[in-house]
PDB file of all heavy atoms in Angstrom:
ATOM      1  N   VAL A   1      45.710   8.833  -9.376  1.00  0.00           N
ATOM      2  CA  VAL A   1      44.970   7.567  -9.430  1.00  0.00           C
ATOM      3  C   VAL A   1      45.960   6.431  -9.237  1.00  0.00           C
ATOM      4  O   VAL A   1      47.037   6.409  -9.824  1.00  0.00           O
ATOM      5  CB  VAL A   1      44.249   7.413 -10.799  1.00  0.00           C
ATOM      6  CG1 VAL A   1      43.586   6.029 -10.897  1.00  0.00           C
ATOM      7  CG2 VAL A   1      43.229   8.523 -11.008  1.00  0.00           C
ATOM      8  N   MET A   2      45.574   5.477  -8.421  1.00  0.00           N
ATOM      9  CA  MET A   2      46.421   4.305  -8.130  1.00  0.00           C
ATOM     10  C   MET A   2      45.882   3.075  -8.827  1.00  0.00           C
ATOM     11  O   MET A   2      44.706   2.744  -8.726  1.00  0.00           O
ATOM     12  CB  MET A   2      46.451   4.082  -6.608  1.00  0.00           C
ATOM     13  CG  MET A   2      47.334   2.966  -6.137  1.00  0.00           C
ATOM     14  SD  MET A   2      47.297   2.883  -4.303  1.00  0.00           S
ATOM     15  CE  MET A   2      48.314   1.461  -4.031  1.00  0.00           C
ATOM     16  N   ASP A   3      46.737   2.393  -9.561  1.00  0.00           N
ATOM     17  CA  ASP A   3      46.376   1.136 -10.233  1.00  0.00           C
ATOM     18  C   ASP A   3      46.476   0.021  -9.187  1.00  0.00           C
ATOM     19  O   ASP A   3      47.544  -0.225  -8.640  1.00  0.00           O
ATOM     20  CB  ASP A   3      47.376   0.892 -11.362  1.00  0.00           C
ATOM     21  CG  ASP A   3      46.904  -0.139 -12.368  1.00  0.00           C
ATOM     22  OD1 ASP A   3      46.105  -1.007 -11.973  1.00  0.00           O
ATOM     23  OD2 ASP A   3      47.358  -0.111 -13.524  1.00  0.00           O
ATOM     24  N   VAL A   4      45.347  -0.631  -8.891  1.00  0.00           N
ATOM     25  CA  VAL A   4      45.309  -1.658  -7.835  1.00  0.00           C
ATOM     26  C   VAL A   4      44.975  -3.017  -8.409  1.00  0.00           C
ATOM     27  O   VAL A   4      44.162  -3.120  -9.332  1.00  0.00           O
ATOM     28  CB  VAL A   4      44.343  -1.276  -6.704  1.00  0.00           C
ATOM     29  CG1 VAL A   4      44.880  -0.091  -5.906  1.00  0.00           C
ATOM     30  CG2 VAL A   4      42.959  -0.938  -7.237  1.00  0.00           C
ATOM     31  N   VAL A   5      45.579  -4.045  -7.844  1.00  0.00           N
ATOM     32  CA  VAL A   5      45.470  -5.407  -8.398  1.00  0.00           C
ATOM     33  C   VAL A   5      45.021  -6.351  -7.310  1.00  0.00           C
ATOM     34  O   VAL A   5      45.781  -7.222  -6.836  1.00  0.00           O
ATOM     35  CB  VAL A   5      46.815  -5.847  -9.018  1.00  0.00           C
ATOM     36  CG1 VAL A   5      46.653  -7.173  -9.767  1.00  0.00           C
ATOM     37  CG2 VAL A   5      47.347  -4.783  -9.952  1.00  0.00           C
ATOM     38  N   TYR A   6      43.786  -6.180  -6.847  1.00  0.00           N
ATOM     39  CA  TYR A   6      43.258  -7.045  -5.775  1.00  0.00           C
ATOM     40  C   TYR A   6      42.725  -8.366  -6.339  1.00  0.00           C
ATOM     41  O   TYR A   6      42.266  -9.203  -5.570  1.00  0.00           O
ATOM     42  CB  TYR A   6      42.126  -6.337  -5.046  1.00  0.00           C
ATOM     43  CG  TYR A   6      42.591  -5.129  -4.232  1.00  0.00           C
ATOM     44  CD1 TYR A   6      42.335  -3.838  -4.678  1.00  0.00           C
ATOM     45  CD2 TYR A   6      43.273  -5.293  -3.027  1.00  0.00           C
ATOM     46  CE1 TYR A   6      42.740  -2.735  -3.928  1.00  0.00           C
ATOM     47  CE2 TYR A   6      43.703  -4.195  -2.288  1.00  0.00           C
ATOM     48  CZ  TYR A   6      43.411  -2.925  -2.737  1.00  0.00           C
ATOM     49  OH  TYR A   6      43.829  -1.814  -2.025  1.00  0.00           O
ATOM     50  N   ASN A   7      42.786  -8.571  -7.646  1.00  0.00           N
ATOM     51  CA  ASN A   7      42.167  -9.779  -8.213  1.00  0.00           C
ATOM     52  C   ASN A   7      43.042 -11.006  -8.066  1.00  0.00           C
ATOM     53  O   ASN A   7      42.549 -12.130  -8.120  1.00  0.00           O
ATOM     54  CB  ASN A   7      41.844  -9.525  -9.692  1.00  0.00           C
ATOM     55  CG  ASN A   7      43.098  -9.373 -10.559  1.00  0.00           C
ATOM     56  OD1 ASN A   7      43.647 -10.345 -11.016  1.00  0.00           O
ATOM     57  ND2 ASN A   7      43.505  -8.141 -10.767  1.00  0.00           N
ATOM     58  N   HIS A   8      44.366 -10.826  -7.902  1.00  0.00           N
ATOM     59  CA  HIS A   8      45.253 -11.994  -7.730  1.00  0.00           C
ATOM     60  C   HIS A   8      46.490 -11.546  -7.002  1.00  0.00           C
ATOM     61  O   HIS A   8      46.742 -10.345  -6.829  1.00  0.00           O
ATOM     62  CB  HIS A   8      45.634 -12.611  -9.077  1.00  0.00           C
ATOM     63  CG  HIS A   8      46.630 -11.794  -9.866  1.00  0.00           C
ATOM     64  ND1 HIS A   8      46.261 -10.801 -10.715  1.00  0.00           N
ATOM     65  CD2 HIS A   8      47.999 -11.833  -9.861  1.00  0.00           C
ATOM     66  CE1 HIS A   8      47.346 -10.251 -11.264  1.00  0.00           C
ATOM     67  NE2 HIS A   8      48.413 -10.852 -10.755  1.00  0.00           N
ATOM     68  N   MET A   9      47.315 -12.509  -6.565  1.00  0.00           N
ATOM     69  CA  MET A   9      48.605 -12.213  -5.975  1.00  0.00           C
ATOM     70  C   MET A   9      49.692 -12.957  -6.749  1.00  0.00           C
ATOM     71  O   MET A   9      49.387 -13.862  -7.545  1.00  0.00           O
ATOM     72  CB  MET A   9      48.645 -12.574  -4.492  1.00  0.00           C
ATOM     73  CG  MET A   9      47.636 -11.776  -3.651  1.00  0.00           C
ATOM     74  SD  MET A   9      47.963 -11.876  -1.867  1.00  0.00           S
ATOM     75  CE  MET A   9      49.410 -10.778  -1.709  1.00  0.00           C
ATOM     76  N   PHE A  10      50.931 -12.567  -6.530  1.00  0.00           N
ATOM     77  CA  PHE A  10      52.023 -13.229  -7.234  1.00  0.00           C
ATOM     78  C   PHE A  10      52.106 -14.707  -6.864  1.00  0.00           C
ATOM     79  O   PHE A  10      52.255 -15.571  -7.706  1.00  0.00           O
ATOM     80  CB  PHE A  10      53.360 -12.527  -6.913  1.00  0.00           C
ATOM     81  CG  PHE A  10      54.553 -13.214  -7.541  1.00  0.00           C
ATOM     82  CD1 PHE A  10      54.710 -13.255  -8.918  1.00  0.00           C
ATOM     83  CD2 PHE A  10      55.496 -13.828  -6.742  1.00  0.00           C
ATOM     84  CE1 PHE A  10      55.805 -13.894  -9.477  1.00  0.00           C
ATOM     85  CE2 PHE A  10      56.583 -14.469  -7.293  1.00  0.00           C
ATOM     86  CZ  PHE A  10      56.743 -14.507  -8.670  1.00  0.00           C
ATOM     87  N   GLU A  11      51.994 -14.982  -5.547  1.00  0.00           N
ATOM     88  CA  GLU A  11      52.057 -16.345  -5.071  1.00  0.00           C
ATOM     89  C   GLU A  11      50.642 -16.840  -4.773  1.00  0.00           C
ATOM     90  O   GLU A  11      49.774 -16.064  -4.399  1.00  0.00           O
ATOM     91  CB  GLU A  11      52.912 -16.417  -3.792  1.00  0.00           C
ATOM     92  CG  GLU A  11      54.377 -16.081  -4.034  1.00  0.00           C
ATOM     93  CD  GLU A  11      54.999 -15.326  -2.854  1.00  0.00           C
ATOM     94  OE1 GLU A  11      54.264 -14.598  -2.166  1.00  0.00           O
ATOM     95  OE2 GLU A  11      56.207 -15.447  -2.663  1.00  0.00           O
ATOM     96  N   ALA A  12      50.444 -18.129  -4.919  1.00  0.00           N
ATOM     97  CA  ALA A  12      49.126 -18.705  -4.631  1.00  0.00           C
ATOM     98  C   ALA A  12      49.120 -19.243  -3.197  1.00  0.00           C
ATOM     99  O   ALA A  12      48.718 -18.550  -2.273  1.00  0.00           O
ATOM    100  CB  ALA A  12      48.776 -19.810  -5.636  1.00  0.00           C
ATOM    101  N   ALA A  13      49.588 -20.452  -3.005  1.00  0.00           N
ATOM    102  CA  ALA A  13      49.496 -21.089  -1.685  1.00  0.00           C
ATOM    103  C   ALA A  13      50.351 -20.385  -0.624  1.00  0.00           C
ATOM    104  O   ALA A  13      50.065 -20.516   0.575  1.00  0.00           O
ATOM    105  CB  ALA A  13      49.908 -22.557  -1.796  1.00  0.00           C
ATOM    106  N   SER A  14      51.380 -19.638  -1.019  1.00  0.00           N
ATOM    107  CA  SER A  14      52.299 -19.044  -0.047  1.00  0.00           C
ATOM    108  C   SER A  14      52.158 -17.560   0.118  1.00  0.00           C
ATOM    109  O   SER A  14      53.038 -16.928   0.746  1.00  0.00           O
ATOM    110  CB  SER A  14      53.753 -19.402  -0.419  1.00  0.00           C
ATOM    111  OG  SER A  14      54.081 -18.897  -1.719  1.00  0.00           O
ATOM    112  N   ASN A  15      51.111 -16.951  -0.425  1.00  0.00           N
ATOM    113  CA  ASN A  15      50.977 -15.493  -0.184  1.00  0.00           C
ATOM    114  C   ASN A  15      50.604 -15.237   1.277  1.00  0.00           C
ATOM    115  O   ASN A  15      50.275 -16.188   2.023  1.00  0.00           O
ATOM    116  CB  ASN A  15      49.948 -14.877  -1.155  1.00  0.00           C
ATOM    117  CG  ASN A  15      48.520 -15.319  -0.907  1.00  0.00           C
ATOM    118  OD1 ASN A  15      47.972 -15.158   0.176  1.00  0.00           O
ATOM    119  ND2 ASN A  15      47.911 -15.916  -1.934  1.00  0.00           N
ATOM    120  N   VAL A  16      50.685 -13.992   1.711  1.00  0.00           N
ATOM    121  CA  VAL A  16      50.533 -13.700   3.146  1.00  0.00           C
ATOM    122  C   VAL A  16      49.166 -14.098   3.666  1.00  0.00           C
ATOM    123  O   VAL A  16      49.031 -14.505   4.852  1.00  0.00           O
ATOM    124  CB  VAL A  16      50.806 -12.214   3.434  1.00  0.00           C
ATOM    125  CG1 VAL A  16      52.259 -11.890   3.232  1.00  0.00           C
ATOM    126  CG2 VAL A  16      49.923 -11.311   2.593  1.00  0.00           C
ATOM    127  N   PHE A  17      48.137 -14.031   2.848  1.00  0.00           N
ATOM    128  CA  PHE A  17      46.784 -14.371   3.295  1.00  0.00           C
ATOM    129  C   PHE A  17      46.628 -15.883   3.449  1.00  0.00           C
ATOM    130  O   PHE A  17      46.146 -16.372   4.469  1.00  0.00           O
ATOM    131  CB  PHE A  17      45.762 -13.815   2.316  1.00  0.00           C
ATOM    132  CG  PHE A  17      45.712 -12.335   2.256  1.00  0.00           C
ATOM    133  CD1 PHE A  17      46.374 -11.638   1.274  1.00  0.00           C
ATOM    134  CD2 PHE A  17      45.017 -11.608   3.193  1.00  0.00           C
ATOM    135  CE1 PHE A  17      46.352 -10.251   1.213  1.00  0.00           C
ATOM    136  CE2 PHE A  17      44.993 -10.210   3.178  1.00  0.00           C
ATOM    137  CZ  PHE A  17      45.645  -9.531   2.164  1.00  0.00           C
ATOM    138  N   GLU A  18      47.017 -16.619   2.418  1.00  0.00           N
ATOM    139  CA  GLU A  18      46.916 -18.090   2.502  1.00  0.00           C
ATOM    140  C   GLU A  18      47.856 -18.666   3.544  1.00  0.00           C
ATOM    141  O   GLU A  18      47.622 -19.756   4.053  1.00  0.00           O
ATOM    142  CB  GLU A  18      47.194 -18.682   1.126  1.00  0.00           C
ATOM    143  CG  GLU A  18      46.063 -18.486   0.114  1.00  0.00           C
ATOM    144  CD  GLU A  18      44.868 -19.399   0.369  1.00  0.00           C
ATOM    145  OE1 GLU A  18      45.071 -20.571   0.698  1.00  0.00           O
ATOM    146  OE2 GLU A  18      43.724 -18.928   0.251  1.00  0.00           O
ATOM    147  N   SER A  19      48.909 -17.920   3.904  1.00  0.00           N
ATOM    148  CA  SER A  19      49.839 -18.389   4.935  1.00  0.00           C
ATOM    149  C   SER A  19      49.179 -18.403   6.307  1.00  0.00           C
ATOM    150  O   SER A  19      49.524 -19.245   7.159  1.00  0.00           O
ATOM    151  CB  SER A  19      51.083 -17.500   4.964  1.00  0.00           C
ATOM    152  OG  SER A  19      51.874 -17.713   3.808  1.00  0.00           O
ATOM    153  N   VAL A  20      48.243 -17.480   6.547  1.00  0.00           N
ATOM    154  CA  VAL A  20      47.595 -17.431   7.874  1.00  0.00           C
ATOM    155  C   VAL A  20      46.294 -18.189   7.892  1.00  0.00           C
ATOM    156  O   VAL A  20      45.842 -18.647   8.958  1.00  0.00           O
ATOM    157  CB  VAL A  20      47.362 -15.983   8.346  1.00  0.00           C
ATOM    158  CG1 VAL A  20      48.676 -15.237   8.510  1.00  0.00           C
ATOM    159  CG2 VAL A  20      46.430 -15.218   7.395  1.00  0.00           C
ATOM    160  N   ALA A  21      45.645 -18.369   6.731  1.00  0.00           N
ATOM    161  CA  ALA A  21      44.378 -19.097   6.649  1.00  0.00           C
ATOM    162  C   ALA A  21      44.318 -19.901   5.351  1.00  0.00           C
ATOM    163  O   ALA A  21      43.618 -19.516   4.411  1.00  0.00           O
ATOM    164  CB  ALA A  21      43.212 -18.141   6.731  1.00  0.00           C
ATOM    165  N   PRO A  22      45.076 -20.993   5.276  1.00  0.00           N
ATOM    166  CA  PRO A  22      45.138 -21.780   4.030  1.00  0.00           C
ATOM    167  C   PRO A  22      43.756 -22.245   3.591  1.00  0.00           C
ATOM    168  O   PRO A  22      42.978 -22.752   4.406  1.00  0.00           O
ATOM    169  CB  PRO A  22      46.015 -22.975   4.416  1.00  0.00           C
ATOM    170  CG  PRO A  22      46.826 -22.500   5.591  1.00  0.00           C
ATOM    171  CD  PRO A  22      45.949 -21.552   6.325  1.00  0.00           C
ATOM    172  N   GLY A  23      43.442 -22.046   2.326  1.00  0.00           N
ATOM    173  CA  GLY A  23      42.184 -22.502   1.778  1.00  0.00           C
ATOM    174  C   GLY A  23      41.060 -21.497   1.795  1.00  0.00           C
ATOM    175  O   GLY A  23      39.966 -21.756   1.292  1.00  0.00           O
ATOM    176  N   TYR A  24      41.323 -20.287   2.310  1.00  0.00           N
ATOM    177  CA  TYR A  24      40.230 -19.301   2.428  1.00  0.00           C
ATOM    178  C   TYR A  24      40.320 -18.148   1.458  1.00  0.00           C
ATOM    179  O   TYR A  24      39.325 -17.817   0.806  1.00  0.00           O
ATOM    180  CB  TYR A  24      40.209 -18.751   3.866  1.00  0.00           C
ATOM    181  CG  TYR A  24      39.109 -17.724   4.050  1.00  0.00           C
ATOM    182  CD1 TYR A  24      37.794 -18.120   4.289  1.00  0.00           C
ATOM    183  CD2 TYR A  24      39.362 -16.349   3.990  1.00  0.00           C
ATOM    184  CE1 TYR A  24      36.773 -17.181   4.448  1.00  0.00           C
ATOM    185  CE2 TYR A  24      38.357 -15.402   4.149  1.00  0.00           C
ATOM    186  CZ  TYR A  24      37.062 -15.820   4.371  1.00  0.00           C
ATOM    187  OH  TYR A  24      36.052 -14.900   4.505  1.00  0.00           O
ATOM    188  N   PHE A  25      41.463 -17.501   1.362  1.00  0.00           N
ATOM    189  CA  PHE A  25      41.521 -16.204   0.671  1.00  0.00           C
ATOM    190  C   PHE A  25      41.565 -16.318  -0.848  1.00  0.00           C
ATOM    191  O   PHE A  25      41.171 -15.387  -1.558  1.00  0.00           O
ATOM    192  CB  PHE A  25      42.731 -15.416   1.179  1.00  0.00           C
ATOM    193  CG  PHE A  25      42.495 -14.783   2.524  1.00  0.00           C
ATOM    194  CD1 PHE A  25      43.034 -15.359   3.662  1.00  0.00           C
ATOM    195  CD2 PHE A  25      41.738 -13.640   2.645  1.00  0.00           C
ATOM    196  CE1 PHE A  25      42.834 -14.764   4.905  1.00  0.00           C
ATOM    197  CE2 PHE A  25      41.511 -13.051   3.880  1.00  0.00           C
ATOM    198  CZ  PHE A  25      42.077 -13.610   5.016  1.00  0.00           C
ATOM    199  N   CYS A  26      42.049 -17.405  -1.391  1.00  0.00           N
ATOM    200  CA  CYS A  26      42.045 -17.605  -2.858  1.00  0.00           C
ATOM    201  C   CYS A  26      40.849 -18.464  -3.239  1.00  0.00           C
ATOM    202  O   CYS A  26      40.526 -19.431  -2.555  1.00  0.00           O
ATOM    203  CB  CYS A  26      43.339 -18.285  -3.322  1.00  0.00           C
ATOM    204  SG  CYS A  26      44.790 -17.216  -3.276  1.00  0.00           S
ATOM    205  N   ARG A  27      40.225 -18.146  -4.359  1.00  0.00           N
ATOM    206  CA  ARG A  27      39.111 -18.965  -4.837  1.00  0.00           C
ATOM    207  C   ARG A  27      39.617 -20.332  -5.241  1.00  0.00           C
ATOM    208  O   ARG A  27      40.698 -20.480  -5.810  1.00  0.00           O
ATOM    209  CB  ARG A  27      38.431 -18.289  -6.028  1.00  0.00           C
ATOM    210  CG  ARG A  27      37.659 -17.025  -5.627  1.00  0.00           C
ATOM    211  CD  ARG A  27      36.726 -16.564  -6.758  1.00  0.00           C
ATOM    212  NE  ARG A  27      36.037 -15.345  -6.370  1.00  0.00           N
ATOM    213  CZ  ARG A  27      36.247 -14.143  -6.905  1.00  0.00           C
ATOM    214  NH1 ARG A  27      37.126 -14.014  -7.855  1.00  0.00           N
ATOM    215  NH2 ARG A  27      35.579 -13.093  -6.480  1.00  0.00           N
ATOM    216  N   ARG A  28      38.787 -21.332  -4.994  1.00  0.00           N
ATOM    217  CA  ARG A  28      39.138 -22.710  -5.348  1.00  0.00           C
ATOM    218  C   ARG A  28      38.070 -23.303  -6.267  1.00  0.00           C
ATOM    219  O   ARG A  28      36.901 -22.912  -6.201  1.00  0.00           O
ATOM    220  CB  ARG A  28      39.248 -23.606  -4.094  1.00  0.00           C
ATOM    221  CG  ARG A  28      40.306 -23.230  -3.068  1.00  0.00           C
ATOM    222  CD  ARG A  28      41.678 -23.168  -3.667  1.00  0.00           C
ATOM    223  NE  ARG A  28      42.760 -23.445  -2.718  1.00  0.00           N
ATOM    224  CZ  ARG A  28      43.274 -22.599  -1.865  1.00  0.00           C
ATOM    225  NH1 ARG A  28      42.765 -21.351  -1.790  1.00  0.00           N
ATOM    226  NH2 ARG A  28      44.280 -22.917  -1.083  1.00  0.00           N
ATOM    227  N   LYS A  29      38.489 -24.233  -7.082  1.00  0.00           N
ATOM    228  CA  LYS A  29      37.555 -24.997  -7.895  1.00  0.00           C
ATOM    229  C   LYS A  29      36.954 -26.116  -7.049  1.00  0.00           C
ATOM    230  O   LYS A  29      37.375 -26.324  -5.896  1.00  0.00           O
ATOM    231  CB  LYS A  29      38.269 -25.586  -9.107  1.00  0.00           C
ATOM    232  CG  LYS A  29      38.896 -24.568 -10.045  1.00  0.00           C
ATOM    233  CD  LYS A  29      39.629 -25.282 -11.174  1.00  0.00           C
ATOM    234  CE  LYS A  29      40.319 -24.283 -12.104  1.00  0.00           C
ATOM    235  NZ  LYS A  29      41.101 -24.969 -13.165  1.00  0.00           N
ATOM    236  N   ALA A  30      36.012 -26.849  -7.600  1.00  0.00           N
ATOM    237  CA  ALA A  30      35.344 -27.923  -6.864  1.00  0.00           C
ATOM    238  C   ALA A  30      36.335 -28.978  -6.404  1.00  0.00           C
ATOM    239  O   ALA A  30      36.149 -29.607  -5.355  1.00  0.00           O
ATOM    240  CB  ALA A  30      34.246 -28.569  -7.719  1.00  0.00           C
ATOM    241  N   ASP A  31      37.427 -29.200  -7.187  1.00  0.00           N
ATOM    242  CA  ASP A  31      38.396 -30.212  -6.823  1.00  0.00           C
ATOM    243  C   ASP A  31      39.459 -29.698  -5.864  1.00  0.00           C
ATOM    244  O   ASP A  31      40.416 -30.411  -5.513  1.00  0.00           O
ATOM    245  CB  ASP A  31      39.061 -30.814  -8.076  1.00  0.00           C
ATOM    246  CG  ASP A  31      39.864 -29.747  -8.854  1.00  0.00           C
ATOM    247  OD1 ASP A  31      39.935 -28.582  -8.422  1.00  0.00           O
ATOM    248  OD2 ASP A  31      40.417 -30.115  -9.927  1.00  0.00           O
ATOM    249  N   GLY A  32      39.330 -28.443  -5.418  1.00  0.00           N
ATOM    250  CA  GLY A  32      40.261 -27.867  -4.468  1.00  0.00           C
ATOM    251  C   GLY A  32      41.433 -27.135  -5.081  1.00  0.00           C
ATOM    252  O   GLY A  32      42.208 -26.494  -4.363  1.00  0.00           O
ATOM    253  N   SER A  33      41.586 -27.197  -6.386  1.00  0.00           N
ATOM    254  CA  SER A  33      42.677 -26.487  -7.039  1.00  0.00           C
ATOM    255  C   SER A  33      42.347 -24.991  -7.165  1.00  0.00           C
ATOM    256  O   SER A  33      41.178 -24.583  -7.015  1.00  0.00           O
ATOM    257  CB  SER A  33      42.960 -27.086  -8.425  1.00  0.00           C
ATOM    258  OG  SER A  33      41.834 -26.929  -9.270  1.00  0.00           O
ATOM    259  N   PHE A  34      43.345 -24.194  -7.433  1.00  0.00           N
ATOM    260  CA  PHE A  34      43.150 -22.752  -7.501  1.00  0.00           C
ATOM    261  C   PHE A  34      42.388 -22.350  -8.760  1.00  0.00           C
ATOM    262  O   PHE A  34      42.719 -22.782  -9.859  1.00  0.00           O
ATOM    263  CB  PHE A  34      44.524 -22.037  -7.502  1.00  0.00           C
ATOM    264  CG  PHE A  34      45.209 -22.054  -6.169  1.00  0.00           C
ATOM    265  CD1 PHE A  34      46.215 -22.981  -5.926  1.00  0.00           C
ATOM    266  CD2 PHE A  34      44.874 -21.157  -5.159  1.00  0.00           C
ATOM    267  CE1 PHE A  34      46.867 -23.035  -4.692  1.00  0.00           C
ATOM    268  CE2 PHE A  34      45.507 -21.177  -3.941  1.00  0.00           C
ATOM    269  CZ  PHE A  34      46.508 -22.111  -3.694  1.00  0.00           C
ATOM    270  N   ALA A  35      41.393 -21.510  -8.582  1.00  0.00           N
ATOM    271  CA  ALA A  35      40.727 -20.884  -9.725  1.00  0.00           C
ATOM    272  C   ALA A  35      41.734 -19.949 -10.388  1.00  0.00           C
ATOM    273  O   ALA A  35      42.638 -19.408  -9.721  1.00  0.00           O
ATOM    274  CB  ALA A  35      39.503 -20.126  -9.279  1.00  0.00           C
ATOM    275  N   ASN A  36      41.609 -19.743 -11.688  1.00  0.00           N
ATOM    276  CA  ASN A  36      42.635 -18.967 -12.396  1.00  0.00           C
ATOM    277  C   ASN A  36      42.038 -18.027 -13.432  1.00  0.00           C
ATOM    278  O   ASN A  36      42.514 -17.944 -14.550  1.00  0.00           O
ATOM    279  CB  ASN A  36      43.656 -19.919 -13.043  1.00  0.00           C
ATOM    280  CG  ASN A  36      44.864 -19.200 -13.571  1.00  0.00           C
ATOM    281  OD1 ASN A  36      45.193 -18.116 -13.105  1.00  0.00           O
ATOM    282  ND2 ASN A  36      45.515 -19.764 -14.560  1.00  0.00           N
TER     283      ASN A  36
END
């Protein structure tokens, strides 16, 4: 069994997903800040 952590990444704005599509892959609050 593999323990998987798809709920968050170590980096927020600079993770590999946000690096290619800023503003899409991480959830944001209404004011644009990162949900946590």
